[in-house]
Amino acid sequence: MSNLAKNIRQYREEHNLTQQELALKLRMGTKKIEMYESGEVTPDTQTILRLSTVLDIPASELIQSSPIINTSGVDEELAELIREIGVKHAKLILRTAKDFSEEQIVKVMHQLYDTKTNIQ
């Protein structure tokens, strides 16, 4: 079974969908989903994009060699941002931001953006 086939099955099951429910959402036959998950047939690009939309995951994640299992519960995008700016900066930002209201955070973000634009 191909990695794509395994990923389709895994993400379908994570979304608590049966093959029939997924087929209905994709407007195709259940047999086609069975064939994708068994690796008997590889979906075309358009179908992969539709699968990624229905399963609410990036297409690149669907076709990668092994699915990313996020056991920490941390959003993958957030984890990537923390890696990019460093843990020290992320902790500083989060400790400060936890005391702000959403309105205050948006205001600060606008100020930071304006400052960055003026510096460039």
PDB file of N, CA and C in Angstrom:
ATOM      1  N   MET A   1       0.842  -1.176   0.000  1.00  0.00           N
ATOM      2  CA  MET A   1       0.000   0.000   0.000  1.00  0.00           C
ATOM      3  C   MET A   1       0.894   1.250   0.000  1.00  0.00           C
ATOM      4  N   SER A   2       0.567   2.214  -0.828  1.00  0.00           N
ATOM      5  CA  SER A   2       1.369   3.431  -0.929  1.00  0.00           C
ATOM      6  C   SER A   2       1.138   4.336   0.279  1.00  0.00           C
ATOM      7  N   ASN A   3       2.072   5.275   0.457  1.00  0.00           N
ATOM      8  CA  ASN A   3       1.932   6.237   1.544  1.00  0.00           C
ATOM      9  C   ASN A   3       0.681   7.086   1.364  1.00  0.00           C
ATOM     10  N   LEU A   4       0.390   7.463   0.122  1.00  0.00           N
ATOM     11  CA  LEU A   4      -0.804   8.246  -0.147  1.00  0.00           C
ATOM     12  C   LEU A   4      -2.048   7.479   0.282  1.00  0.00           C
ATOM     13  N   ALA A   5      -2.100   6.209  -0.037  1.00  0.00           N
ATOM     14  CA  ALA A   5      -3.242   5.370   0.345  1.00  0.00           C
ATOM     15  C   ALA A   5      -3.387   5.321   1.866  1.00  0.00           C
ATOM     16  N   LYS A   6      -2.266   5.119   2.571  1.00  0.00           N
ATOM     17  CA  LYS A   6      -2.287   5.084   4.035  1.00  0.00           C
ATOM     18  C   LYS A   6      -2.751   6.412   4.611  1.00  0.00           C
ATOM     19  N   ASN A   7      -2.253   7.517   4.022  1.00  0.00           N
ATOM     20  CA  ASN A   7      -2.613   8.841   4.517  1.00  0.00           C
ATOM     21  C   ASN A   7      -4.101   9.132   4.318  1.00  0.00           C
ATOM     22  N   ILE A   8      -4.629   8.758   3.169  1.00  0.00           N
ATOM     23  CA  ILE A   8      -6.060   8.982   2.919  1.00  0.00           C
ATOM     24  C   ILE A   8      -6.880   8.269   3.990  1.00  0.00           C
ATOM     25  N   ARG A   9      -6.540   7.028   4.230  1.00  0.00           N
ATOM     26  CA  ARG A   9      -7.276   6.248   5.240  1.00  0.00           C
ATOM     27  C   ARG A   9      -7.116   6.867   6.630  1.00  0.00           C
ATOM     28  N   GLN A  10      -5.877   7.216   6.995  1.00  0.00           N
ATOM     29  CA  GLN A  10      -5.628   7.762   8.331  1.00  0.00           C
ATOM     30  C   GLN A  10      -6.416   9.051   8.553  1.00  0.00           C
ATOM     31  N   TYR A  11      -6.329   9.986   7.598  1.00  0.00           N
ATOM     32  CA  TYR A  11      -7.015  11.266   7.780  1.00  0.00           C
ATOM     33  C   TYR A  11      -8.529  11.100   7.718  1.00  0.00           C
ATOM     34  N   ARG A  12      -9.008  10.178   6.920  1.00  0.00           N
ATOM     35  CA  ARG A  12     -10.454   9.904   6.892  1.00  0.00           C
ATOM     36  C   ARG A  12     -10.905   9.416   8.260  1.00  0.00           C
ATOM     37  N   GLU A  13     -10.153   8.483   8.834  1.00  0.00           N
ATOM     38  CA  GLU A  13     -10.505   7.937  10.141  1.00  0.00           C
ATOM     39  C   GLU A  13     -10.381   8.990  11.243  1.00  0.00           C
ATOM     40  N   GLU A  14      -9.368   9.869  11.140  1.00  0.00           N
ATOM     41  CA  GLU A  14      -9.215  10.941  12.127  1.00  0.00           C
ATOM     42  C   GLU A  14     -10.411  11.888  12.114  1.00  0.00           C
ATOM     43  N   HIS A  15     -11.036  12.019  10.947  1.00  0.00           N
ATOM     44  CA  HIS A  15     -12.219  12.878  10.826  1.00  0.00           C
ATOM     45  C   HIS A  15     -13.516  12.089  11.082  1.00  0.00           C
ATOM     46  N   ASN A  16     -13.357  10.872  11.566  1.00  0.00           N
ATOM     47  CA  ASN A  16     -14.501  10.003  11.885  1.00  0.00           C
ATOM     48  C   ASN A  16     -15.469   9.872  10.715  1.00  0.00           C
ATOM     49  N   LEU A  17     -14.896   9.697   9.532  1.00  0.00           N
ATOM     50  CA  LEU A  17     -15.708   9.502   8.331  1.00  0.00           C
ATOM     51  C   LEU A  17     -15.602   8.055   7.871  1.00  0.00           C
ATOM     52  N   THR A  18     -16.703   7.519   7.437  1.00  0.00           N
ATOM     53  CA  THR A  18     -16.660   6.211   6.784  1.00  0.00           C
ATOM     54  C   THR A  18     -16.263   6.444   5.329  1.00  0.00           C
ATOM     55  N   GLN A  19     -15.929   5.373   4.644  1.00  0.00           N
ATOM     56  CA  GLN A  19     -15.630   5.502   3.218  1.00  0.00           C
ATOM     57  C   GLN A  19     -16.849   6.047   2.475  1.00  0.00           C
ATOM     58  N   GLN A  20     -18.025   5.613   2.880  1.00  0.00           N
ATOM     59  CA  GLN A  20     -19.253   6.076   2.238  1.00  0.00           C
ATOM     60  C   GLN A  20     -19.452   7.579   2.441  1.00  0.00           C
ATOM     61  N   GLU A  21     -19.200   8.068   3.661  1.00  0.00           N
ATOM     62  CA  GLU A  21     -19.370   9.495   3.956  1.00  0.00           C
ATOM     63  C   GLU A  21     -18.368  10.342   3.170  1.00  0.00           C
ATOM     64  N   LEU A  22     -17.115   9.857   3.105  1.00  0.00           N
ATOM     65  CA  LEU A  22     -16.111  10.578   2.334  1.00  0.00           C
ATOM     66  C   LEU A  22     -16.487  10.598   0.858  1.00  0.00           C
ATOM     67  N   ALA A  23     -16.930   9.468   0.351  1.00  0.00           N
ATOM     68  CA  ALA A  23     -17.339   9.387  -1.050  1.00  0.00           C
ATOM     69  C   ALA A  23     -18.476  10.365  -1.339  1.00  0.00           C
ATOM     70  N   LEU A  24     -19.413  10.462  -0.429  1.00  0.00           N
ATOM     71  CA  LEU A  24     -20.541  11.379  -0.595  1.00  0.00           C
ATOM     72  C   LEU A  24     -20.057  12.826  -0.640  1.00  0.00           C
ATOM     73  N   LYS A  25     -19.151  13.186   0.268  1.00  0.00           N
ATOM     74  CA  LYS A  25     -18.612  14.550   0.291  1.00  0.00           C
ATOM     75  C   LYS A  25     -17.829  14.876  -0.985  1.00  0.00           C
ATOM     76  N   LEU A  26     -17.183  13.854  -1.550  1.00  0.00           N
ATOM     77  CA  LEU A  26     -16.395  14.054  -2.764  1.00  0.00           C
ATOM     78  C   LEU A  26     -17.227  13.860  -4.033  1.00  0.00           C
ATOM     79  N   ARG A  27     -18.468  13.403  -3.836  1.00  0.00           N
ATOM     80  CA  ARG A  27     -19.372  13.136  -4.958  1.00  0.00           C
ATOM     81  C   ARG A  27     -18.795  12.104  -5.919  1.00  0.00           C
ATOM     82  N   MET A  28     -18.411  10.996  -5.302  1.00  0.00           N
ATOM     83  CA  MET A  28     -17.905   9.864  -6.088  1.00  0.00           C
ATOM     84  C   MET A  28     -18.354   8.580  -5.416  1.00  0.00           C
ATOM     85  N   GLY A  29     -18.100   7.480  -6.055  1.00  0.00           N
ATOM     86  CA  GLY A  29     -18.518   6.191  -5.523  1.00  0.00           C
ATOM     87  C   GLY A  29     -17.624   5.698  -4.397  1.00  0.00           C
ATOM     88  N   THR A  30     -18.214   4.912  -3.514  1.00  0.00           N
ATOM     89  CA  THR A  30     -17.477   4.322  -2.397  1.00  0.00           C
ATOM     90  C   THR A  30     -16.362   3.414  -2.904  1.00  0.00           C
ATOM     91  N   LYS A  31     -16.618   2.709  -3.994  1.00  0.00           N
ATOM     92  CA  LYS A  31     -15.624   1.801  -4.571  1.00  0.00           C
ATOM     93  C   LYS A  31     -14.334   2.555  -4.907  1.00  0.00           C
ATOM     94  N   LYS A  32     -14.470   3.791  -5.382  1.00  0.00           N
ATOM     95  CA  LYS A  32     -13.299   4.599  -5.740  1.00  0.00           C
ATOM     96  C   LYS A  32     -12.463   4.900  -4.491  1.00  0.00           C
ATOM     97  N   ILE A  33     -13.126   5.227  -3.378  1.00  0.00           N
ATOM     98  CA  ILE A  33     -12.419   5.483  -2.120  1.00  0.00           C
ATOM     99  C   ILE A  33     -11.706   4.211  -1.668  1.00  0.00           C
ATOM    100  N   GLU A  34     -12.374   3.083  -1.768  1.00  0.00           N
ATOM    101  CA  GLU A  34     -11.757   1.796  -1.422  1.00  0.00           C
ATOM    102  C   GLU A  34     -10.493   1.573  -2.251  1.00  0.00           C
ATOM    103  N   MET A  35     -10.574   1.888  -3.536  1.00  0.00           N
ATOM    104  CA  MET A  35      -9.428   1.690  -4.435  1.00  0.00           C
ATOM    105  C   MET A  35      -8.286   2.642  -4.088  1.00  0.00           C
ATOM    106  N   TYR A  36      -8.605   3.879  -3.711  1.00  0.00           N
ATOM    107  CA  TYR A  36      -7.567   4.834  -3.301  1.00  0.00           C
ATOM    108  C   TYR A  36      -6.876   4.347  -2.032  1.00  0.00           C
ATOM    109  N   GLU A  37      -7.668   3.900  -1.047  1.00  0.00           N
ATOM    110  CA  GLU A  37      -7.107   3.481   0.233  1.00  0.00           C
ATOM    111  C   GLU A  37      -6.343   2.163   0.147  1.00  0.00           C
ATOM    112  N   SER A  38      -6.669   1.338  -0.817  1.00  0.00           N
ATOM    113  CA  SER A  38      -5.941   0.075  -0.977  1.00  0.00           C
ATOM    114  C   SER A  38      -4.669   0.273  -1.802  1.00  0.00           C
ATOM    115  N   GLY A  39      -4.574   1.423  -2.462  1.00  0.00           N
ATOM    116  CA  GLY A  39      -3.424   1.689  -3.320  1.00  0.00           C
ATOM    117  C   GLY A  39      -3.585   1.109  -4.706  1.00  0.00           C
ATOM    118  N   GLU A  40      -4.747   0.537  -4.968  1.00  0.00           N
ATOM    119  CA  GLU A  40      -5.041  -0.046  -6.271  1.00  0.00           C
ATOM    120  C   GLU A  40      -5.076   1.019  -7.362  1.00  0.00           C
ATOM    121  N   VAL A  41      -5.585   2.209  -7.003  1.00  0.00           N
ATOM    122  CA  VAL A  41      -5.663   3.334  -7.927  1.00  0.00           C
ATOM    123  C   VAL A  41      -5.111   4.559  -7.214  1.00  0.00           C
ATOM    124  N   THR A  42      -4.339   5.372  -7.926  1.00  0.00           N
ATOM    125  CA  THR A  42      -3.832   6.624  -7.379  1.00  0.00           C
ATOM    126  C   THR A  42      -4.709   7.765  -7.878  1.00  0.00           C
ATOM    127  N   PRO A  43      -5.209   8.589  -6.942  1.00  0.00           N
ATOM    128  CA  PRO A  43      -6.059   9.697  -7.379  1.00  0.00           C
ATOM    129  C   PRO A  43      -5.274  10.707  -8.203  1.00  0.00           C
ATOM    130  N   ASP A  44      -5.964  11.359  -9.147  1.00  0.00           N
ATOM    131  CA  ASP A  44      -5.318  12.399  -9.935  1.00  0.00           C
ATOM    132  C   ASP A  44      -5.164  13.659  -9.081  1.00  0.00           C
ATOM    133  N   THR A  45      -4.459  14.642  -9.588  1.00  0.00           N
ATOM    134  CA  THR A  45      -4.159  15.865  -8.853  1.00  0.00           C
ATOM    135  C   THR A  45      -5.427  16.568  -8.384  1.00  0.00           C
ATOM    136  N   GLN A  46      -6.410  16.662  -9.261  1.00  0.00           N
ATOM    137  CA  GLN A  46      -7.666  17.332  -8.908  1.00  0.00           C
ATOM    138  C   GLN A  46      -8.350  16.624  -7.733  1.00  0.00           C
ATOM    139  N   THR A  47      -8.335  15.314  -7.742  1.00  0.00           N
ATOM    140  CA  THR A  47      -8.959  14.543  -6.666  1.00  0.00           C
ATOM    141  C   THR A  47      -8.176  14.704  -5.365  1.00  0.00           C
ATOM    142  N   ILE A  48      -6.863  14.755  -5.451  1.00  0.00           N
ATOM    143  CA  ILE A  48      -6.036  14.977  -4.255  1.00  0.00           C
ATOM    144  C   ILE A  48      -6.379  16.331  -3.640  1.00  0.00           C
ATOM    145  N   LEU A  49      -6.550  17.337  -4.476  1.00  0.00           N
ATOM    146  CA  LEU A  49      -6.917  18.665  -3.977  1.00  0.00           C
ATOM    147  C   LEU A  49      -8.301  18.637  -3.318  1.00  0.00           C
ATOM    148  N   ARG A  50      -9.234  17.915  -3.915  1.00  0.00           N
ATOM    149  CA  ARG A  50     -10.577  17.792  -3.330  1.00  0.00           C
ATOM    150  C   ARG A  50     -10.514  17.036  -2.002  1.00  0.00           C
ATOM    151  N   LEU A  51      -9.706  15.974  -1.951  1.00  0.00           N
ATOM    152  CA  LEU A  51      -9.534  15.211  -0.713  1.00  0.00           C
ATOM    153  C   LEU A  51      -8.956  16.104   0.383  1.00  0.00           C
ATOM    154  N   SER A  52      -7.956  16.889   0.031  1.00  0.00           N
ATOM    155  CA  SER A  52      -7.327  17.749   1.035  1.00  0.00           C
ATOM    156  C   SER A  52      -8.314  18.789   1.554  1.00  0.00           C
ATOM    157  N   THR A  53      -9.191  19.272   0.698  1.00  0.00           N
ATOM    158  CA  THR A  53     -10.203  20.235   1.127  1.00  0.00           C
ATOM    159  C   THR A  53     -11.205  19.582   2.075  1.00  0.00           C
ATOM    160  N   VAL A  54     -11.710  18.423   1.697  1.00  0.00           N
ATOM    161  CA  VAL A  54     -12.702  17.728   2.522  1.00  0.00           C
ATOM    162  C   VAL A  54     -12.091  17.301   3.856  1.00  0.00           C
ATOM    163  N   LEU A  55     -10.842  16.837   3.835  1.00  0.00           N
ATOM    164  CA  LEU A  55     -10.180  16.372   5.054  1.00  0.00           C
ATOM    165  C   LEU A  55      -9.513  17.505   5.823  1.00  0.00           C
ATOM    166  N   ASP A  56      -9.567  18.724   5.268  1.00  0.00           N
ATOM    167  CA  ASP A  56      -9.046  19.928   5.909  1.00  0.00           C
ATOM    168  C   ASP A  56      -7.565  19.809   6.272  1.00  0.00           C
ATOM    169  N   ILE A  57      -6.786  19.367   5.281  1.00  0.00           N
ATOM    170  CA  ILE A  57      -5.340  19.285   5.452  1.00  0.00           C
ATOM    171  C   ILE A  57      -4.686  19.767   4.164  1.00  0.00           C
ATOM    172  N   PRO A  58      -3.458  20.258   4.237  1.00  0.00           N
ATOM    173  CA  PRO A  58      -2.764  20.642   3.003  1.00  0.00           C
ATOM    174  C   PRO A  58      -2.525  19.425   2.118  1.00  0.00           C
ATOM    175  N   ALA A  59      -2.624  19.618   0.824  1.00  0.00           N
ATOM    176  CA  ALA A  59      -2.385  18.514  -0.115  1.00  0.00           C
ATOM    177  C   ALA A  59      -0.984  17.948   0.073  1.00  0.00           C
ATOM    178  N   SER A  60      -0.018  18.813   0.371  1.00  0.00           N
ATOM    179  CA  SER A  60       1.359  18.343   0.561  1.00  0.00           C
ATOM    180  C   SER A  60       1.453  17.365   1.724  1.00  0.00           C
ATOM    181  N   GLU A  61       0.644  17.573   2.757  1.00  0.00           N
ATOM    182  CA  GLU A  61       0.643  16.673   3.900  1.00  0.00           C
ATOM    183  C   GLU A  61      -0.003  15.340   3.535  1.00  0.00           C
ATOM    184  N   LEU A  62      -0.998  15.409   2.683  1.00  0.00           N
ATOM    185  CA  LEU A  62      -1.693  14.197   2.253  1.00  0.00           C
ATOM    186  C   LEU A  62      -0.776  13.289   1.434  1.00  0.00           C
ATOM    187  N   ILE A  63       0.098  13.878   0.627  1.00  0.00           N
ATOM    188  CA  ILE A  63       0.931  13.061  -0.254  1.00  0.00           C
ATOM    189  C   ILE A  63       2.325  12.779   0.302  1.00  0.00           C
ATOM    190  N   GLN A  64       2.651  13.347   1.469  1.00  0.00           N
ATOM    191  CA  GLN A  64       3.991  13.113   2.015  1.00  0.00           C
ATOM    192  C   GLN A  64       4.202  11.660   2.393  1.00  0.00           C
ATOM    193  N   SER A  65       5.455  11.317   2.592  1.00  0.00           N
ATOM    194  CA  SER A  65       5.790   9.912   2.800  1.00  0.00           C
ATOM    195  C   SER A  65       5.219   9.326   4.080  1.00  0.00           C
ATOM    196  N   SER A  66       5.085  10.108   5.130  1.00  0.00           N
ATOM    197  CA  SER A  66       4.423   9.596   6.333  1.00  0.00           C
ATOM    198  C   SER A  66       3.680  10.744   6.976  1.00  0.00           C
ATOM    199  N   PRO A  67       2.497  10.488   7.464  1.00  0.00           N
ATOM    200  CA  PRO A  67       1.712  11.561   8.054  1.00  0.00           C
ATOM    201  C   PRO A  67       2.361  12.116   9.311  1.00  0.00           C
ATOM    202  N   ILE A  68       2.191  13.406   9.521  1.00  0.00           N
ATOM    203  CA  ILE A  68       2.704  14.036  10.727  1.00  0.00           C
ATOM    204  C   ILE A  68       1.708  13.757  11.843  1.00  0.00           C
ATOM    205  N   ILE A  69       2.187  13.133  12.883  1.00  0.00           N
ATOM    206  CA  ILE A  69       1.326  12.861  14.020  1.00  0.00           C
ATOM    207  C   ILE A  69       1.715  13.846  15.110  1.00  0.00           C
ATOM    208  N   ASN A  70       0.803  14.720  15.430  1.00  0.00           N
ATOM    209  CA  ASN A  70       1.050  15.784  16.385  1.00  0.00           C
ATOM    210  C   ASN A  70       0.590  15.329  17.762  1.00  0.00           C
ATOM    211  N   THR A  71       1.483  14.702  18.513  1.00  0.00           N
ATOM    212  CA  THR A  71       1.113  14.178  19.819  1.00  0.00           C
ATOM    213  C   THR A  71       1.154  15.257  20.894  1.00  0.00           C
ATOM    214  N   SER A  72       1.823  16.374  20.631  1.00  0.00           N
ATOM    215  CA  SER A  72       1.935  17.419  21.643  1.00  0.00           C
ATOM    216  C   SER A  72       0.678  18.254  21.746  1.00  0.00           C
ATOM    217  N   GLY A  73      -0.162  18.223  20.722  1.00  0.00           N
ATOM    218  CA  GLY A  73      -1.363  19.044  20.733  1.00  0.00           C
ATOM    219  C   GLY A  73      -1.112  20.468  20.270  1.00  0.00           C
ATOM    220  N   VAL A  74       0.133  20.788  19.918  1.00  0.00           N
ATOM    221  CA  VAL A  74       0.467  22.128  19.455  1.00  0.00           C
ATOM    222  C   VAL A  74       0.212  22.209  17.958  1.00  0.00           C
ATOM    223  N   ASP A  75      -0.477  23.250  17.547  1.00  0.00           N
ATOM    224  CA  ASP A  75      -0.755  23.492  16.137  1.00  0.00           C
ATOM    225  C   ASP A  75       0.563  23.484  15.362  1.00  0.00           C
ATOM    226  N   GLU A  76       0.592  22.794  14.219  1.00  0.00           N
ATOM    227  CA  GLU A  76       1.826  22.672  13.433  1.00  0.00           C
ATOM    228  C   GLU A  76       2.356  24.036  12.973  1.00  0.00           C
ATOM    229  N   GLU A  77       1.453  24.937  12.564  1.00  0.00           N
ATOM    230  CA  GLU A  77       1.886  26.260  12.117  1.00  0.00           C
ATOM    231  C   GLU A  77       2.523  27.026  13.278  1.00  0.00           C
ATOM    232  N   LEU A  78       1.931  26.920  14.461  1.00  0.00           N
ATOM    233  CA  LEU A  78       2.484  27.571  15.640  1.00  0.00           C
ATOM    234  C   LEU A  78       3.852  26.983  15.991  1.00  0.00           C
ATOM    235  N   ALA A  79       3.966  25.675  15.921  1.00  0.00           N
ATOM    236  CA  ALA A  79       5.249  25.020  16.205  1.00  0.00           C
ATOM    237  C   ALA A  79       6.327  25.495  15.235  1.00  0.00           C
ATOM    238  N   GLU A  80       5.969  25.645  13.961  1.00  0.00           N
ATOM    239  CA  GLU A  80       6.933  26.122  12.959  1.00  0.00           C
ATOM    240  C   GLU A  80       7.348  27.562  13.252  1.00  0.00           C
ATOM    241  N   LEU A  81       6.397  28.407  13.628  1.00  0.00           N
ATOM    242  CA  LEU A  81       6.729  29.797  13.966  1.00  0.00           C
ATOM    243  C   LEU A  81       7.659  29.869  15.175  1.00  0.00           C
ATOM    244  N   ILE A  82       7.407  29.016  16.164  1.00  0.00           N
ATOM    245  CA  ILE A  82       8.275  28.980  17.343  1.00  0.00           C
ATOM    246  C   ILE A  82       9.684  28.574  16.941  1.00  0.00           C
ATOM    247  N   ARG A  83       9.803  27.594  16.042  1.00  0.00           N
ATOM    248  CA  ARG A  83      11.133  27.188  15.561  1.00  0.00           C
ATOM    249  C   ARG A  83      11.815  28.334  14.834  1.00  0.00           C
ATOM    250  N   GLU A  84      11.039  29.100  14.052  1.00  0.00           N
ATOM    251  CA  GLU A  84      11.617  30.200  13.271  1.00  0.00           C
ATOM    252  C   GLU A  84      12.121  31.344  14.152  1.00  0.00           C
ATOM    253  N   ILE A  85      11.342  31.751  15.148  1.00  0.00           N
ATOM    254  CA  ILE A  85      11.758  32.903  15.962  1.00  0.00           C
ATOM    255  C   ILE A  85      12.558  32.499  17.186  1.00  0.00           C
ATOM    256  N   GLY A  86      12.532  31.242  17.520  1.00  0.00           N
ATOM    257  CA  GLY A  86      13.266  30.747  18.671  1.00  0.00           C
ATOM    258  C   GLY A  86      12.371  30.670  19.899  1.00  0.00           C
ATOM    259  N   VAL A  87      12.660  29.720  20.730  1.00  0.00           N
ATOM    260  CA  VAL A  87      11.846  29.475  21.921  1.00  0.00           C
ATOM    261  C   VAL A  87      11.890  30.669  22.866  1.00  0.00           C
ATOM    262  N   LYS A  88      13.062  31.272  23.028  1.00  0.00           N
ATOM    263  CA  LYS A  88      13.213  32.405  23.959  1.00  0.00           C
ATOM    264  C   LYS A  88      12.293  33.561  23.565  1.00  0.00           C
ATOM    265  N   HIS A  89      12.307  33.926  22.272  1.00  0.00           N
ATOM    266  CA  HIS A  89      11.447  35.015  21.810  1.00  0.00           C
ATOM    267  C   HIS A  89       9.968  34.630  21.900  1.00  0.00           C
ATOM    268  N   ALA A  90       9.654  33.402  21.560  1.00  0.00           N
ATOM    269  CA  ALA A  90       8.268  32.946  21.611  1.00  0.00           C
ATOM    270  C   ALA A  90       7.726  33.016  23.037  1.00  0.00           C
ATOM    271  N   LYS A  91       8.521  32.577  24.021  1.00  0.00           N
ATOM    272  CA  LYS A  91       8.096  32.642  25.418  1.00  0.00           C
ATOM    273  C   LYS A  91       7.867  34.085  25.848  1.00  0.00           C
ATOM    274  N   LEU A  92       8.773  34.974  25.475  1.00  0.00           N
ATOM    275  CA  LEU A  92       8.645  36.381  25.823  1.00  0.00           C
ATOM    276  C   LEU A  92       7.361  36.980  25.240  1.00  0.00           C
ATOM    277  N   ILE A  93       7.122  36.700  23.968  1.00  0.00           N
ATOM    278  CA  ILE A  93       5.921  37.216  23.296  1.00  0.00           C
ATOM    279  C   ILE A  93       4.660  36.655  23.941  1.00  0.00           C
ATOM    280  N   LEU A  94       4.635  35.359  24.178  1.00  0.00           N
ATOM    281  CA  LEU A  94       3.436  34.730  24.738  1.00  0.00           C
ATOM    282  C   LEU A  94       3.173  35.161  26.173  1.00  0.00           C
ATOM    283  N   ARG A  95       4.222  35.303  26.974  1.00  0.00           N
ATOM    284  CA  ARG A  95       4.034  35.768  28.360  1.00  0.00           C
ATOM    285  C   ARG A  95       3.437  37.173  28.377  1.00  0.00           C
ATOM    286  N   THR A  96       3.909  38.014  27.477  1.00  0.00           N
ATOM    287  CA  THR A  96       3.397  39.379  27.400  1.00  0.00           C
ATOM    288  C   THR A  96       1.980  39.393  26.841  1.00  0.00           C
ATOM    289  N   ALA A  97       1.743  38.644  25.797  1.00  0.00           N
ATOM    290  CA  ALA A  97       0.451  38.661  25.102  1.00  0.00           C
ATOM    291  C   ALA A  97      -0.695  38.075  25.926  1.00  0.00           C
ATOM    292  N   LYS A  98      -0.395  37.196  26.868  1.00  0.00           N
ATOM    293  CA  LYS A  98      -1.477  36.554  27.617  1.00  0.00           C
ATOM    294  C   LYS A  98      -2.289  37.542  28.447  1.00  0.00           C
ATOM    295  N   ASP A  99      -1.707  38.688  28.758  1.00  0.00           N
ATOM    296  CA  ASP A  99      -2.411  39.695  29.546  1.00  0.00           C
ATOM    297  C   ASP A  99      -3.153  40.714  28.684  1.00  0.00           C
ATOM    298  N   PHE A 100      -3.027  40.605  27.365  1.00  0.00           N
ATOM    299  CA  PHE A 100      -3.647  41.559  26.446  1.00  0.00           C
ATOM    300  C   PHE A 100      -5.009  41.050  25.996  1.00  0.00           C
ATOM    301  N   SER A 101      -5.910  41.976  25.713  1.00  0.00           N
ATOM    302  CA  SER A 101      -7.183  41.602  25.088  1.00  0.00           C
ATOM    303  C   SER A 101      -6.921  41.405  23.601  1.00  0.00           C
ATOM    304  N   GLU A 102      -7.874  40.795  22.904  1.00  0.00           N
ATOM    305  CA  GLU A 102      -7.719  40.591  21.464  1.00  0.00           C
ATOM    306  C   GLU A 102      -7.568  41.941  20.748  1.00  0.00           C
ATOM    307  N   GLU A 103      -8.329  42.928  21.187  1.00  0.00           N
ATOM    308  CA  GLU A 103      -8.267  44.270  20.585  1.00  0.00           C
ATOM    309  C   GLU A 103      -6.885  44.881  20.758  1.00  0.00           C
ATOM    310  N   GLN A 104      -6.309  44.720  21.939  1.00  0.00           N
ATOM    311  CA  GLN A 104      -4.976  45.252  22.201  1.00  0.00           C
ATOM    312  C   GLN A 104      -3.927  44.549  21.343  1.00  0.00           C
ATOM    313  N   ILE A 105      -4.065  43.247  21.176  1.00  0.00           N
ATOM    314  CA  ILE A 105      -3.114  42.491  20.355  1.00  0.00           C
ATOM    315  C   ILE A 105      -3.182  42.963  18.908  1.00  0.00           C
ATOM    316  N   VAL A 106      -4.394  43.150  18.386  1.00  0.00           N
ATOM    317  CA  VAL A 106      -4.546  43.630  17.008  1.00  0.00           C
ATOM    318  C   VAL A 106      -3.910  45.011  16.857  1.00  0.00           C
ATOM    319  N   LYS A 107      -4.111  45.874  17.839  1.00  0.00           N
ATOM    320  CA  LYS A 107      -3.535  47.225  17.804  1.00  0.00           C
ATOM    321  C   LYS A 107      -1.996  47.160  17.783  1.00  0.00           C
ATOM    322  N   VAL A 108      -1.439  46.318  18.637  1.00  0.00           N
ATOM    323  CA  VAL A 108       0.021  46.152  18.683  1.00  0.00           C
ATOM    324  C   VAL A 108       0.539  45.591  17.362  1.00  0.00           C
ATOM    325  N   MET A 109      -0.181  44.633  16.801  1.00  0.00           N
ATOM    326  CA  MET A 109       0.244  44.050  15.522  1.00  0.00           C
ATOM    327  C   MET A 109       0.263  45.110  14.425  1.00  0.00           C
ATOM    328  N   HIS A 110      -0.742  45.984  14.408  1.00  0.00           N
ATOM    329  CA  HIS A 110      -0.764  47.065  13.418  1.00  0.00           C
ATOM    330  C   HIS A 110       0.424  48.002  13.623  1.00  0.00           C
ATOM    331  N   GLN A 111       0.734  48.315  14.870  1.00  0.00           N
ATOM    332  CA  GLN A 111       1.877  49.182  15.163  1.00  0.00           C
ATOM    333  C   GLN A 111       3.186  48.534  14.727  1.00  0.00           C
ATOM    334  N   LEU A 112       3.328  47.245  14.991  1.00  0.00           N
ATOM    335  CA  LEU A 112       4.538  46.530  14.570  1.00  0.00           C
ATOM    336  C   LEU A 112       4.664  46.517  13.052  1.00  0.00           C
ATOM    337  N   TYR A 113       3.550  46.289  12.375  1.00  0.00           N
ATOM    338  CA  TYR A 113       3.568  46.268  10.917  1.00  0.00           C
ATOM    339  C   TYR A 113       3.948  47.636  10.374  1.00  0.00           C
ATOM    340  N   ASP A 114       3.363  48.705  10.941  1.00  0.00           N
ATOM    341  CA  ASP A 114       3.684  50.062  10.494  1.00  0.00           C
ATOM    342  C   ASP A 114       5.145  50.386  10.731  1.00  0.00           C
ATOM    343  N   THR A 115       5.674  49.971  11.874  1.00  0.00           N
ATOM    344  CA  THR A 115       7.091  50.205  12.188  1.00  0.00           C
ATOM    345  C   THR A 115       7.979  49.483  11.204  1.00  0.00           C
ATOM    346  N   LYS A 116       7.663  48.222  10.916  1.00  0.00           N
ATOM    347  CA  LYS A 116       8.453  47.434   9.969  1.00  0.00           C
ATOM    348  C   LYS A 116       8.427  48.069   8.575  1.00  0.00           C
ATOM    349  N   THR A 117       7.258  48.538   8.156  1.00  0.00           N
ATOM    350  CA  THR A 117       7.107  49.161   6.834  1.00  0.00           C
ATOM    351  C   THR A 117       7.925  50.441   6.754  1.00  0.00           C
ATOM    352  N   ASN A 118       7.945  51.238   7.836  1.00  0.00           N
ATOM    353  CA  ASN A 118       8.685  52.501   7.835  1.00  0.00           C
ATOM    354  C   ASN A 118      10.193  52.277   7.859  1.00  0.00           C
ATOM    355  N   ILE A 119      10.634  51.184   8.465  1.00  0.00           N
ATOM    356  CA  ILE A 119      12.070  50.888   8.525  1.00  0.00           C
ATOM    357  C   ILE A 119      12.595  50.460   7.162  1.00  0.00           C
ATOM    358  N   GLN A 120      11.777  49.734   6.433  1.00  0.00           N
ATOM    359  CA  GLN A 120      12.219  49.228   5.126  1.00  0.00           C
ATOM    360  C   GLN A 120      12.196  50.366   4.174  1.00  0.00           C
TER     361      GLN A 120
END
